[in-house]
């Protein structure tokens, strides 16, 4: 079964979950607010997707923490992702074959799941 990581209030997560429901695709939802991703999980994602795709530099948490001023490199971004799950671009979808999708894109989802 696929795993979907995110928060219930996120618009992109809502779209992804609706896509799965509309297409009768079973999934397990993991809420970052209740179960934050640990460094091992983040490292496993970074092995499969570019850290710049995983790191959300457009969200409220990024602006609140004033991370733009730090001009983070990949190692710095990884450290912040380990400390703060709200910096992870959502949703993160782990497929049964081990692949990882980040963010919601209906065209990509249609190609992968239909």
PDB file of N, CA and C in Angstrom:
ATOM      1  N   UNK A   1       0.838  -1.183   0.000  1.00  0.00           N
ATOM      2  CA  UNK A   1       0.000   0.000   0.000  1.00  0.00           C
ATOM      3  C   UNK A   1       0.884   1.249   0.000  1.00  0.00           C
ATOM      4  N   UNK A   2       0.446   2.261  -0.743  1.00  0.00           N
ATOM      5  CA  UNK A   2       1.219   3.498  -0.765  1.00  0.00           C
ATOM      6  C   UNK A   2       1.024   4.257   0.541  1.00  0.00           C
ATOM      7  N   UNK A   3       2.018   5.085   0.857  1.00  0.00           N
ATOM      8  CA  UNK A   3       1.953   5.927   2.048  1.00  0.00           C
ATOM      9  C   UNK A   3       1.990   7.378   1.606  1.00  0.00           C
ATOM     10  N   UNK A   4       1.104   8.166   2.197  1.00  0.00           N
ATOM     11  CA  UNK A   4       1.016   9.587   1.885  1.00  0.00           C
ATOM     12  C   UNK A   4       1.355  10.359   3.155  1.00  0.00           C
ATOM     13  N   UNK A   5       2.389  11.186   3.069  1.00  0.00           N
ATOM     14  CA  UNK A   5       2.827  11.996   4.204  1.00  0.00           C
ATOM     15  C   UNK A   5       2.439  13.443   3.960  1.00  0.00           C
ATOM     16  N   UNK A   6       1.928  14.100   5.003  1.00  0.00           N
ATOM     17  CA  UNK A   6       1.566  15.505   4.880  1.00  0.00           C
ATOM     18  C   UNK A   6       0.771  15.964   6.086  1.00  0.00           C
ATOM     19  N   UNK A   7       0.005  17.023   5.890  1.00  0.00           N
ATOM     20  CA  UNK A   7      -0.912  17.496   6.927  1.00  0.00           C
ATOM     21  C   UNK A   7      -2.287  17.653   6.288  1.00  0.00           C
ATOM     22  N   UNK A   8      -3.323  17.399   7.074  1.00  0.00           N
ATOM     23  CA  UNK A   8      -4.685  17.374   6.540  1.00  0.00           C
ATOM     24  C   UNK A   8      -5.159  18.723   6.013  1.00  0.00           C
ATOM     25  N   UNK A   9      -4.602  19.804   6.518  1.00  0.00           N
ATOM     26  CA  UNK A   9      -5.067  21.129   6.110  1.00  0.00           C
ATOM     27  C   UNK A   9      -4.396  21.659   4.853  1.00  0.00           C
ATOM     28  N   UNK A  10      -3.398  20.961   4.350  1.00  0.00           N
ATOM     29  CA  UNK A  10      -2.655  21.398   3.166  1.00  0.00           C
ATOM     30  C   UNK A  10      -3.488  21.167   1.899  1.00  0.00           C
ATOM     31  N   UNK A  11      -3.595  22.191   1.068  1.00  0.00           N
ATOM     32  CA  UNK A  11      -4.374  22.084  -0.162  1.00  0.00           C
ATOM     33  C   UNK A  11      -3.873  21.004  -1.103  1.00  0.00           C
ATOM     34  N   UNK A  12      -2.557  20.893  -1.256  1.00  0.00           N
ATOM     35  CA  UNK A  12      -1.991  19.875  -2.149  1.00  0.00           C
ATOM     36  C   UNK A  12      -2.246  18.467  -1.622  1.00  0.00           C
ATOM     37  N   UNK A  13      -2.185  18.307  -0.306  1.00  0.00           N
ATOM     38  CA  UNK A  13      -2.476  17.003   0.298  1.00  0.00           C
ATOM     39  C   UNK A  13      -3.941  16.652   0.066  1.00  0.00           C
ATOM     40  N   UNK A  14      -4.826  17.617   0.249  1.00  0.00           N
ATOM     41  CA  UNK A  14      -6.259  17.375   0.018  1.00  0.00           C
ATOM     42  C   UNK A  14      -6.511  16.925  -1.421  1.00  0.00           C
ATOM     43  N   UNK A  15      -5.847  17.582  -2.384  1.00  0.00           N
ATOM     44  CA  UNK A  15      -6.004  17.201  -3.794  1.00  0.00           C
ATOM     45  C   UNK A  15      -5.504  15.776  -4.041  1.00  0.00           C
ATOM     46  N   UNK A  16      -4.352  15.448  -3.449  1.00  0.00           N
ATOM     47  CA  UNK A  16      -3.799  14.105  -3.639  1.00  0.00           C
ATOM     48  C   UNK A  16      -4.735  13.046  -3.047  1.00  0.00           C
ATOM     49  N   UNK A  17      -5.217  13.279  -1.828  1.00  0.00           N
ATOM     50  CA  UNK A  17      -6.108  12.309  -1.191  1.00  0.00           C
ATOM     51  C   UNK A  17      -7.405  12.161  -1.976  1.00  0.00           C
ATOM     52  N   UNK A  18      -7.921  13.261  -2.517  1.00  0.00           N
ATOM     53  CA  UNK A  18      -9.130  13.191  -3.339  1.00  0.00           C
ATOM     54  C   UNK A  18      -8.853  12.370  -4.597  1.00  0.00           C
ATOM     55  N   UNK A  19      -7.685  12.582  -5.219  1.00  0.00           N
ATOM     56  CA  UNK A  19      -7.308  11.809  -6.402  1.00  0.00           C
ATOM     57  C   UNK A  19      -7.314  10.314  -6.082  1.00  0.00           C
ATOM     58  N   UNK A  20      -6.714   9.937  -4.950  1.00  0.00           N
ATOM     59  CA  UNK A  20      -6.658   8.518  -4.579  1.00  0.00           C
ATOM     60  C   UNK A  20      -8.055   7.971  -4.311  1.00  0.00           C
ATOM     61  N   UNK A  21      -8.875   8.719  -3.608  1.00  0.00           N
ATOM     62  CA  UNK A  21     -10.244   8.262  -3.335  1.00  0.00           C
ATOM     63  C   UNK A  21     -11.042   8.127  -4.623  1.00  0.00           C
ATOM     64  N   UNK A  22     -10.968   9.146  -5.486  1.00  0.00           N
ATOM     65  CA  UNK A  22     -11.719   9.131  -6.746  1.00  0.00           C
ATOM     66  C   UNK A  22     -11.304   7.976  -7.654  1.00  0.00           C
ATOM     67  N   UNK A  23     -10.060   7.522  -7.513  1.00  0.00           N
ATOM     68  CA  UNK A  23      -9.557   6.442  -8.354  1.00  0.00           C
ATOM     69  C   UNK A  23      -9.448   5.104  -7.616  1.00  0.00           C
ATOM     70  N   UNK A  24     -10.100   5.036  -6.455  1.00  0.00           N
ATOM     71  CA  UNK A  24     -10.140   3.807  -5.645  1.00  0.00           C
ATOM     72  C   UNK A  24      -8.751   3.238  -5.375  1.00  0.00           C
ATOM     73  N   UNK A  25      -7.827   4.121  -5.015  1.00  0.00           N
ATOM     74  CA  UNK A  25      -6.457   3.711  -4.700  1.00  0.00           C
ATOM     75  C   UNK A  25      -6.300   3.738  -3.184  1.00  0.00           C
ATOM     76  N   UNK A  26      -5.940   2.592  -2.626  1.00  0.00           N
ATOM     77  CA  UNK A  26      -5.764   2.516  -1.172  1.00  0.00           C
ATOM     78  C   UNK A  26      -4.463   3.186  -0.773  1.00  0.00           C
ATOM     79  N   UNK A  27      -4.520   3.846   0.364  1.00  0.00           N
ATOM     80  CA  UNK A  27      -3.328   4.521   0.875  1.00  0.00           C
ATOM     81  C   UNK A  27      -3.379   4.577   2.396  1.00  0.00           C
ATOM     82  N   UNK A  28      -2.210   4.798   2.962  1.00  0.00           N
ATOM     83  CA  UNK A  28      -2.101   5.046   4.401  1.00  0.00           C
ATOM     84  C   UNK A  28      -1.640   6.492   4.539  1.00  0.00           C
ATOM     85  N   UNK A  29      -2.342   7.277   5.370  1.00  0.00           N
ATOM     86  CA  UNK A  29      -1.984   8.681   5.563  1.00  0.00           C
ATOM     87  C   UNK A  29      -1.189   8.839   6.852  1.00  0.00           C
ATOM     88  N   UNK A  30      -0.051   9.518   6.753  1.00  0.00           N
ATOM     89  CA  UNK A  30       0.780   9.807   7.924  1.00  0.00           C
ATOM     90  C   UNK A  30       0.822  11.321   8.084  1.00  0.00           C
ATOM     91  N   UNK A  31       0.313  11.795   9.210  1.00  0.00           N
ATOM     92  CA  UNK A  31       0.201  13.226   9.488  1.00  0.00           C
ATOM     93  C   UNK A  31       1.484  13.720  10.152  1.00  0.00           C
ATOM     94  N   UNK A  32       2.166  14.666   9.492  1.00  0.00           N
ATOM     95  CA  UNK A  32       3.407  15.212  10.045  1.00  0.00           C
ATOM     96  C   UNK A  32       3.210  15.851  11.420  1.00  0.00           C
ATOM     97  N   UNK A  33       2.017  16.361  11.672  1.00  0.00           N
ATOM     98  CA  UNK A  33       1.788  17.011  12.974  1.00  0.00           C
ATOM     99  C   UNK A  33       1.750  15.991  14.107  1.00  0.00           C
ATOM    100  N   UNK A  34       1.264  14.798  13.817  1.00  0.00           N
ATOM    101  CA  UNK A  34       1.192  13.744  14.839  1.00  0.00           C
ATOM    102  C   UNK A  34       2.420  12.846  14.831  1.00  0.00           C
ATOM    103  N   UNK A  35       3.011  12.673  13.657  1.00  0.00           N
ATOM    104  CA  UNK A  35       4.127  11.746  13.489  1.00  0.00           C
ATOM    105  C   UNK A  35       5.179  12.372  12.567  1.00  0.00           C
ATOM    106  N   UNK A  36       5.990  13.305  13.088  1.00  0.00           N
ATOM    107  CA  UNK A  36       6.981  13.977  12.243  1.00  0.00           C
ATOM    108  C   UNK A  36       7.977  12.983  11.635  1.00  0.00           C
ATOM    109  N   UNK A  37       8.421  13.295  10.429  1.00  0.00           N
ATOM    110  CA  UNK A  37       9.412  12.447   9.760  1.00  0.00           C
ATOM    111  C   UNK A  37      10.748  12.571  10.484  1.00  0.00           C
ATOM    112  N   UNK A  38      11.412  11.441  10.698  1.00  0.00           N
ATOM    113  CA  UNK A  38      12.731  11.484  11.335  1.00  0.00           C
ATOM    114  C   UNK A  38      13.818  11.570  10.256  1.00  0.00           C
ATOM    115  N   UNK A  39      15.062  11.759  10.699  1.00  0.00           N
ATOM    116  CA  UNK A  39      16.184  11.925   9.760  1.00  0.00           C
ATOM    117  C   UNK A  39      16.377  10.708   8.857  1.00  0.00           C
ATOM    118  N   UNK A  40      16.158   9.516   9.380  1.00  0.00           N
ATOM    119  CA  UNK A  40      16.306   8.317   8.544  1.00  0.00           C
ATOM    120  C   UNK A  40      15.310   8.329   7.391  1.00  0.00           C
ATOM    121  N   UNK A  41      14.081   8.722   7.674  1.00  0.00           N
ATOM    122  CA  UNK A  41      13.045   8.798   6.641  1.00  0.00           C
ATOM    123  C   UNK A  41      13.420   9.867   5.617  1.00  0.00           C
ATOM    124  N   UNK A  42      13.842  11.014   6.101  1.00  0.00           N
ATOM    125  CA  UNK A  42      14.229  12.112   5.206  1.00  0.00           C
ATOM    126  C   UNK A  42      15.405  11.697   4.329  1.00  0.00           C
ATOM    127  N   UNK A  43      16.393  11.034   4.917  1.00  0.00           N
ATOM    128  CA  UNK A  43      17.543  10.553   4.133  1.00  0.00           C
ATOM    129  C   UNK A  43      17.110   9.572   3.051  1.00  0.00           C
ATOM    130  N   UNK A  44      16.151   8.710   3.366  1.00  0.00           N
ATOM    131  CA  UNK A  44      15.680   7.748   2.362  1.00  0.00           C
ATOM    132  C   UNK A  44      14.986   8.480   1.211  1.00  0.00           C
ATOM    133  N   UNK A  45      14.282   9.573   1.509  1.00  0.00           N
ATOM    134  CA  UNK A  45      13.644  10.364   0.449  1.00  0.00           C
ATOM    135  C   UNK A  45      14.685  11.101  -0.386  1.00  0.00           C
ATOM    136  N   UNK A  46      15.705  11.652   0.289  1.00  0.00           N
ATOM    137  CA  UNK A  46      16.747  12.411  -0.424  1.00  0.00           C
ATOM    138  C   UNK A  46      17.519  11.505  -1.385  1.00  0.00           C
ATOM    139  N   UNK A  47      17.612  10.217  -1.078  1.00  0.00           N
ATOM    140  CA  UNK A  47      18.259   9.278  -1.994  1.00  0.00           C
ATOM    141  C   UNK A  47      17.469   9.131  -3.293  1.00  0.00           C
ATOM    142  N   UNK A  48      16.167   9.437  -3.251  1.00  0.00           N
ATOM    143  CA  UNK A  48      15.295   9.195  -4.404  1.00  0.00           C
ATOM    144  C   UNK A  48      14.846  10.464  -5.114  1.00  0.00           C
ATOM    145  N   UNK A  49      14.836  11.585  -4.401  1.00  0.00           N
ATOM    146  CA  UNK A  49      14.447  12.863  -5.012  1.00  0.00           C
ATOM    147  C   UNK A  49      15.439  13.944  -4.584  1.00  0.00           C
ATOM    148  N   UNK A  50      15.610  14.918  -5.422  1.00  0.00           N
ATOM    149  CA  UNK A  50      16.514  16.026  -5.124  1.00  0.00           C
ATOM    150  C   UNK A  50      16.036  16.781  -3.877  1.00  0.00           C
ATOM    151  N   UNK A  51      16.971  17.154  -3.035  1.00  0.00           N
ATOM    152  CA  UNK A  51      16.613  17.840  -1.789  1.00  0.00           C
ATOM    153  C   UNK A  51      15.891  19.158  -2.075  1.00  0.00           C
ATOM    154  N   UNK A  52      16.216  19.805  -3.189  1.00  0.00           N
ATOM    155  CA  UNK A  52      15.543  21.054  -3.520  1.00  0.00           C
ATOM    156  C   UNK A  52      14.071  20.839  -3.861  1.00  0.00           C
ATOM    157  N   UNK A  53      13.734  19.653  -4.318  1.00  0.00           N
ATOM    158  CA  UNK A  53      12.331  19.336  -4.565  1.00  0.00           C
ATOM    159  C   UNK A  53      11.609  19.034  -3.243  1.00  0.00           C
ATOM    160  N   UNK A  54      12.323  18.434  -2.304  1.00  0.00           N
ATOM    161  CA  UNK A  54      11.745  18.053  -1.013  1.00  0.00           C
ATOM    162  C   UNK A  54      11.621  19.244  -0.061  1.00  0.00           C
ATOM    163  N   UNK A  55      12.529  20.196  -0.175  1.00  0.00           N
ATOM    164  CA  UNK A  55      12.597  21.333   0.754  1.00  0.00           C
ATOM    165  C   UNK A  55      11.652  22.432   0.279  1.00  0.00           C
ATOM    166  N   UNK A  56      10.681  22.773   1.130  1.00  0.00           N
ATOM    167  CA  UNK A  56       9.679  23.770   0.776  1.00  0.00           C
ATOM    168  C   UNK A  56      10.168  25.166   1.164  1.00  0.00           C
ATOM    169  N   UNK A  57      10.661  25.890   0.165  1.00  0.00           N
ATOM    170  CA  UNK A  57      11.142  27.238   0.443  1.00  0.00           C
ATOM    171  C   UNK A  57      10.104  28.300   0.096  1.00  0.00           C
ATOM    172  N   UNK A  58       8.843  27.886  -0.007  1.00  0.00           N
ATOM    173  CA  UNK A  58       7.771  28.826  -0.317  1.00  0.00           C
ATOM    174  C   UNK A  58       6.706  28.869   0.776  1.00  0.00           C
ATOM    175  N   UNK A  59       6.856  28.049   1.780  1.00  0.00           N
ATOM    176  CA  UNK A  59       5.823  27.943   2.803  1.00  0.00           C
ATOM    177  C   UNK A  59       5.974  28.935   3.943  1.00  0.00           C
ATOM    178  N   UNK A  60       4.947  28.960   4.760  1.00  0.00           N
ATOM    179  CA  UNK A  60       4.900  29.846   5.916  1.00  0.00           C
ATOM    180  C   UNK A  60       6.045  29.565   6.885  1.00  0.00           C
ATOM    181  N   UNK A  61       6.321  28.298   7.151  1.00  0.00           N
ATOM    182  CA  UNK A  61       7.363  27.936   8.117  1.00  0.00           C
ATOM    183  C   UNK A  61       8.725  28.456   7.651  1.00  0.00           C
ATOM    184  N   UNK A  62       9.004  28.359   6.371  1.00  0.00           N
ATOM    185  CA  UNK A  62      10.267  28.852   5.799  1.00  0.00           C
ATOM    186  C   UNK A  62      10.401  30.354   6.043  1.00  0.00           C
ATOM    187  N   UNK A  63       9.316  31.077   5.795  1.00  0.00           N
ATOM    188  CA  UNK A  63       9.348  32.529   5.989  1.00  0.00           C
ATOM    189  C   UNK A  63       9.430  32.885   7.470  1.00  0.00           C
ATOM    190  N   UNK A  64       8.681  32.184   8.301  1.00  0.00           N
ATOM    191  CA  UNK A  64       8.672  32.450   9.740  1.00  0.00           C
ATOM    192  C   UNK A  64      10.065  32.257  10.346  1.00  0.00           C
ATOM    193  N   UNK A  65      10.745  31.210   9.911  1.00  0.00           N
ATOM    194  CA  UNK A  65      12.080  30.918  10.437  1.00  0.00           C
ATOM    195  C   UNK A  65      13.178  31.776   9.785  1.00  0.00           C
ATOM    196  N   UNK A  66      12.794  32.578   8.776  1.00  0.00           N
ATOM    197  CA  UNK A  66      13.743  33.456   8.069  1.00  0.00           C
ATOM    198  C   UNK A  66      14.935  32.668   7.506  1.00  0.00           C
ATOM    199  N   UNK A  67      14.633  31.521   6.914  1.00  0.00           N
ATOM    200  CA  UNK A  67      15.697  30.658   6.399  1.00  0.00           C
ATOM    201  C   UNK A  67      16.333  31.185   5.121  1.00  0.00           C
ATOM    202  N   UNK A  68      15.629  32.044   4.404  1.00  0.00           N
ATOM    203  CA  UNK A  68      16.206  32.606   3.182  1.00  0.00           C
ATOM    204  C   UNK A  68      17.508  33.348   3.507  1.00  0.00           C
ATOM    205  N   UNK A  69      17.526  34.010   4.640  1.00  0.00           N
ATOM    206  CA  UNK A  69      18.699  34.779   5.057  1.00  0.00           C
ATOM    207  C   UNK A  69      19.920  33.882   5.298  1.00  0.00           C
ATOM    208  N   UNK A  70      19.691  32.604   5.589  1.00  0.00           N
ATOM    209  CA  UNK A  70      20.799  31.691   5.881  1.00  0.00           C
ATOM    210  C   UNK A  70      21.466  31.138   4.630  1.00  0.00           C
ATOM    211  N   UNK A  71      20.798  31.288   3.466  1.00  0.00           N
ATOM    212  CA  UNK A  71      21.364  30.803   2.203  1.00  0.00           C
ATOM    213  C   UNK A  71      21.869  29.360   2.350  1.00  0.00           C
ATOM    214  N   UNK A  72      20.968  28.457   2.703  1.00  0.00           N
ATOM    215  CA  UNK A  72      21.310  27.080   3.043  1.00  0.00           C
ATOM    216  C   UNK A  72      21.822  26.269   1.857  1.00  0.00           C
ATOM    217  N   UNK A  73      22.846  25.455   2.120  1.00  0.00           N
ATOM    218  CA  UNK A  73      23.293  24.470   1.139  1.00  0.00           C
ATOM    219  C   UNK A  73      22.519  23.176   1.391  1.00  0.00           C
ATOM    220  N   UNK A  74      22.832  22.124   0.652  1.00  0.00           N
ATOM    221  CA  UNK A  74      22.092  20.861   0.788  1.00  0.00           C
ATOM    222  C   UNK A  74      22.167  20.289   2.197  1.00  0.00           C
ATOM    223  N   UNK A  75      23.338  20.357   2.814  1.00  0.00           N
ATOM    224  CA  UNK A  75      23.486  19.843   4.177  1.00  0.00           C
ATOM    225  C   UNK A  75      22.650  20.659   5.162  1.00  0.00           C
ATOM    226  N   UNK A  76      22.649  21.956   4.999  1.00  0.00           N
ATOM    227  CA  UNK A  76      21.847  22.815   5.862  1.00  0.00           C
ATOM    228  C   UNK A  76      20.356  22.543   5.697  1.00  0.00           C
ATOM    229  N   UNK A  77      19.932  22.338   4.466  1.00  0.00           N
ATOM    230  CA  UNK A  77      18.519  22.026   4.211  1.00  0.00           C
ATOM    231  C   UNK A  77      18.146  20.704   4.873  1.00  0.00           C
ATOM    232  N   UNK A  78      19.028  19.718   4.754  1.00  0.00           N
ATOM    233  CA  UNK A  78      18.762  18.418   5.380  1.00  0.00           C
ATOM    234  C   UNK A  78      18.607  18.581   6.894  1.00  0.00           C
ATOM    235  N   UNK A  79      19.497  19.338   7.507  1.00  0.00           N
ATOM    236  CA  UNK A  79      19.420  19.551   8.955  1.00  0.00           C
ATOM    237  C   UNK A  79      18.088  20.177   9.346  1.00  0.00           C
ATOM    238  N   UNK A  80      17.651  21.176   8.587  1.00  0.00           N
ATOM    239  CA  UNK A  80      16.374  21.822   8.899  1.00  0.00           C
ATOM    240  C   UNK A  80      15.203  20.867   8.665  1.00  0.00           C
ATOM    241  N   UNK A  81      15.260  20.051   7.615  1.00  0.00           N
ATOM    242  CA  UNK A  81      14.182  19.081   7.382  1.00  0.00           C
ATOM    243  C   UNK A  81      14.078  18.106   8.552  1.00  0.00           C
ATOM    244  N   UNK A  82      15.212  17.712   9.100  1.00  0.00           N
ATOM    245  CA  UNK A  82      15.213  16.796  10.249  1.00  0.00           C
ATOM    246  C   UNK A  82      14.610  17.452  11.489  1.00  0.00           C
ATOM    247  N   UNK A  83      14.786  18.753  11.625  1.00  0.00           N
ATOM    248  CA  UNK A  83      14.289  19.480  12.797  1.00  0.00           C
ATOM    249  C   UNK A  83      12.830  19.888  12.656  1.00  0.00           C
ATOM    250  N   UNK A  84      12.390  20.131  11.418  1.00  0.00           N
ATOM    251  CA  UNK A  84      11.083  20.745  11.214  1.00  0.00           C
ATOM    252  C   UNK A  84      10.359  20.128  10.012  1.00  0.00           C
ATOM    253  N   UNK A  85       9.445  19.200  10.298  1.00  0.00           N
ATOM    254  CA  UNK A  85       8.710  18.503   9.224  1.00  0.00           C
ATOM    255  C   UNK A  85       7.855  19.443   8.374  1.00  0.00           C
ATOM    256  N   UNK A  86       7.497  20.607   8.913  1.00  0.00           N
ATOM    257  CA  UNK A  86       6.673  21.528   8.137  1.00  0.00           C
ATOM    258  C   UNK A  86       7.451  22.170   6.986  1.00  0.00           C
ATOM    259  N   UNK A  87       8.759  21.936   6.911  1.00  0.00           N
ATOM    260  CA  UNK A  87       9.562  22.426   5.792  1.00  0.00           C
ATOM    261  C   UNK A  87       9.583  21.446   4.624  1.00  0.00           C
ATOM    262  N   UNK A  88       8.959  20.296   4.797  1.00  0.00           N
ATOM    263  CA  UNK A  88       8.907  19.294   3.730  1.00  0.00           C
ATOM    264  C   UNK A  88       7.763  19.646   2.786  1.00  0.00           C
ATOM    265  N   UNK A  89       8.077  19.698   1.494  1.00  0.00           N
ATOM    266  CA  UNK A  89       7.041  19.962   0.503  1.00  0.00           C
ATOM    267  C   UNK A  89       6.059  18.796   0.519  1.00  0.00           C
ATOM    268  N   UNK A  90       4.786  19.109   0.471  1.00  0.00           N
ATOM    269  CA  UNK A  90       3.759  18.091   0.638  1.00  0.00           C
ATOM    270  C   UNK A  90       2.882  17.969  -0.606  1.00  0.00           C
ATOM    271  N   UNK A  91       2.289  16.790  -0.743  1.00  0.00           N
ATOM    272  CA  UNK A  91       2.519  15.554  -0.003  1.00  0.00           C
ATOM    273  C   UNK A  91       3.770  14.827  -0.494  1.00  0.00           C
ATOM    274  N   UNK A  92       4.264  13.945   0.360  1.00  0.00           N
ATOM    275  CA  UNK A  92       5.304  13.001  -0.041  1.00  0.00           C
ATOM    276  C   UNK A  92       4.605  11.645  -0.137  1.00  0.00           C
ATOM    277  N   UNK A  93       4.710  11.016  -1.286  1.00  0.00           N
ATOM    278  CA  UNK A  93       4.039   9.733  -1.519  1.00  0.00           C
ATOM    279  C   UNK A  93       5.093   8.667  -1.753  1.00  0.00           C
ATOM    280  N   UNK A  94       5.071   7.652  -0.896  1.00  0.00           N
ATOM    281  CA  UNK A  94       5.960   6.498  -1.073  1.00  0.00           C
ATOM    282  C   UNK A  94       5.178   5.414  -1.801  1.00  0.00           C
ATOM    283  N   UNK A  95       5.682   5.015  -2.959  1.00  0.00           N
ATOM    284  CA  UNK A  95       5.024   3.972  -3.733  1.00  0.00           C
ATOM    285  C   UNK A  95       5.480   2.601  -3.257  1.00  0.00           C
ATOM    286  N   UNK A  96       4.716   1.599  -3.601  1.00  0.00           N
ATOM    287  CA  UNK A  96       5.044   0.228  -3.182  1.00  0.00           C
ATOM    288  C   UNK A  96       6.375  -0.241  -3.744  1.00  0.00           C
ATOM    289  N   UNK A  97       6.783   0.292  -4.912  1.00  0.00           N
ATOM    290  CA  UNK A  97       8.051  -0.112  -5.527  1.00  0.00           C
ATOM    291  C   UNK A  97       9.248   0.654  -4.962  1.00  0.00           C
ATOM    292  N   UNK A  98       8.995   1.544  -3.998  1.00  0.00           N
ATOM    293  CA  UNK A  98      10.077   2.296  -3.368  1.00  0.00           C
ATOM    294  C   UNK A  98      10.269   3.697  -3.919  1.00  0.00           C
ATOM    295  N   UNK A  99       9.649   4.001  -5.053  1.00  0.00           N
ATOM    296  CA  UNK A  99       9.760   5.349  -5.610  1.00  0.00           C
ATOM    297  C   UNK A  99       9.058   6.358  -4.706  1.00  0.00           C
ATOM    298  N   UNK A 100       9.436   7.622  -4.870  1.00  0.00           N
ATOM    299  CA  UNK A 100       8.880   8.695  -4.056  1.00  0.00           C
ATOM    300  C   UNK A 100       8.421   9.823  -4.967  1.00  0.00           C
ATOM    301  N   UNK A 101       7.203  10.301  -4.739  1.00  0.00           N
ATOM    302  CA  UNK A 101       6.681  11.476  -5.435  1.00  0.00           C
ATOM    303  C   UNK A 101       6.567  12.603  -4.416  1.00  0.00           C
ATOM    304  N   UNK A 102       6.927  13.814  -4.828  1.00  0.00           N
ATOM    305  CA  UNK A 102       6.825  14.973  -3.946  1.00  0.00           C
ATOM    306  C   UNK A 102       5.950  16.015  -4.611  1.00  0.00           C
ATOM    307  N   UNK A 103       5.004  16.550  -3.863  1.00  0.00           N
ATOM    308  CA  UNK A 103       4.044  17.558  -4.302  1.00  0.00           C
ATOM    309  C   UNK A 103       2.941  16.879  -5.121  1.00  0.00           C
ATOM    310  N   UNK A 104       1.896  17.627  -5.409  1.00  0.00           N
ATOM    311  CA  UNK A 104       0.789  17.073  -6.184  1.00  0.00           C
ATOM    312  C   UNK A 104       0.828  17.636  -7.592  1.00  0.00           C
ATOM    313  N   UNK A 105       0.827  16.743  -8.559  1.00  0.00           N
ATOM    314  CA  UNK A 105       0.741  17.105  -9.969  1.00  0.00           C
ATOM    315  C   UNK A 105      -0.182  16.075 -10.610  1.00  0.00           C
ATOM    316  N   UNK A 106      -1.371  16.529 -11.008  1.00  0.00           N
ATOM    317  CA  UNK A 106      -2.375  15.595 -11.511  1.00  0.00           C
ATOM    318  C   UNK A 106      -1.875  14.805 -12.720  1.00  0.00           C
ATOM    319  N   UNK A 107      -1.121  15.437 -13.607  1.00  0.00           N
ATOM    320  CA  UNK A 107      -0.607  14.734 -14.792  1.00  0.00           C
ATOM    321  C   UNK A 107       0.345  13.599 -14.384  1.00  0.00           C
ATOM    322  N   UNK A 108       1.233  13.880 -13.439  1.00  0.00           N
ATOM    323  CA  UNK A 108       2.167  12.853 -12.980  1.00  0.00           C
ATOM    324  C   UNK A 108       1.401  11.735 -12.272  1.00  0.00           C
ATOM    325  N   UNK A 109       0.464  12.098 -11.401  1.00  0.00           N
ATOM    326  CA  UNK A 109      -0.321  11.100 -10.703  1.00  0.00           C
ATOM    327  C   UNK A 109      -1.095  10.223 -11.681  1.00  0.00           C
ATOM    328  N   UNK A 110      -1.682  10.846 -12.689  1.00  0.00           N
ATOM    329  CA  UNK A 110      -2.438  10.065 -13.686  1.00  0.00           C
ATOM    330  C   UNK A 110      -1.530   9.083 -14.413  1.00  0.00           C
ATOM    331  N   UNK A 111      -0.323   9.517 -14.748  1.00  0.00           N
ATOM    332  CA  UNK A 111       0.626   8.645 -15.438  1.00  0.00           C
ATOM    333  C   UNK A 111       1.088   7.494 -14.573  1.00  0.00           C
ATOM    334  N   UNK A 112       1.261   7.736 -13.285  1.00  0.00           N
ATOM    335  CA  UNK A 112       1.769   6.716 -12.370  1.00  0.00           C
ATOM    336  C   UNK A 112       0.667   5.762 -11.916  1.00  0.00           C
ATOM    337  N   UNK A 113      -0.505   6.284 -11.629  1.00  0.00           N
ATOM    338  CA  UNK A 113      -1.542   5.478 -10.972  1.00  0.00           C
ATOM    339  C   UNK A 113      -2.646   4.979 -11.882  1.00  0.00           C
ATOM    340  N   UNK A 114      -2.740   5.454 -13.115  1.00  0.00           N
ATOM    341  CA  UNK A 114      -3.841   5.005 -13.973  1.00  0.00           C
ATOM    342  C   UNK A 114      -3.350   4.041 -15.030  1.00  0.00           C
TER     343      UNK A 114
END
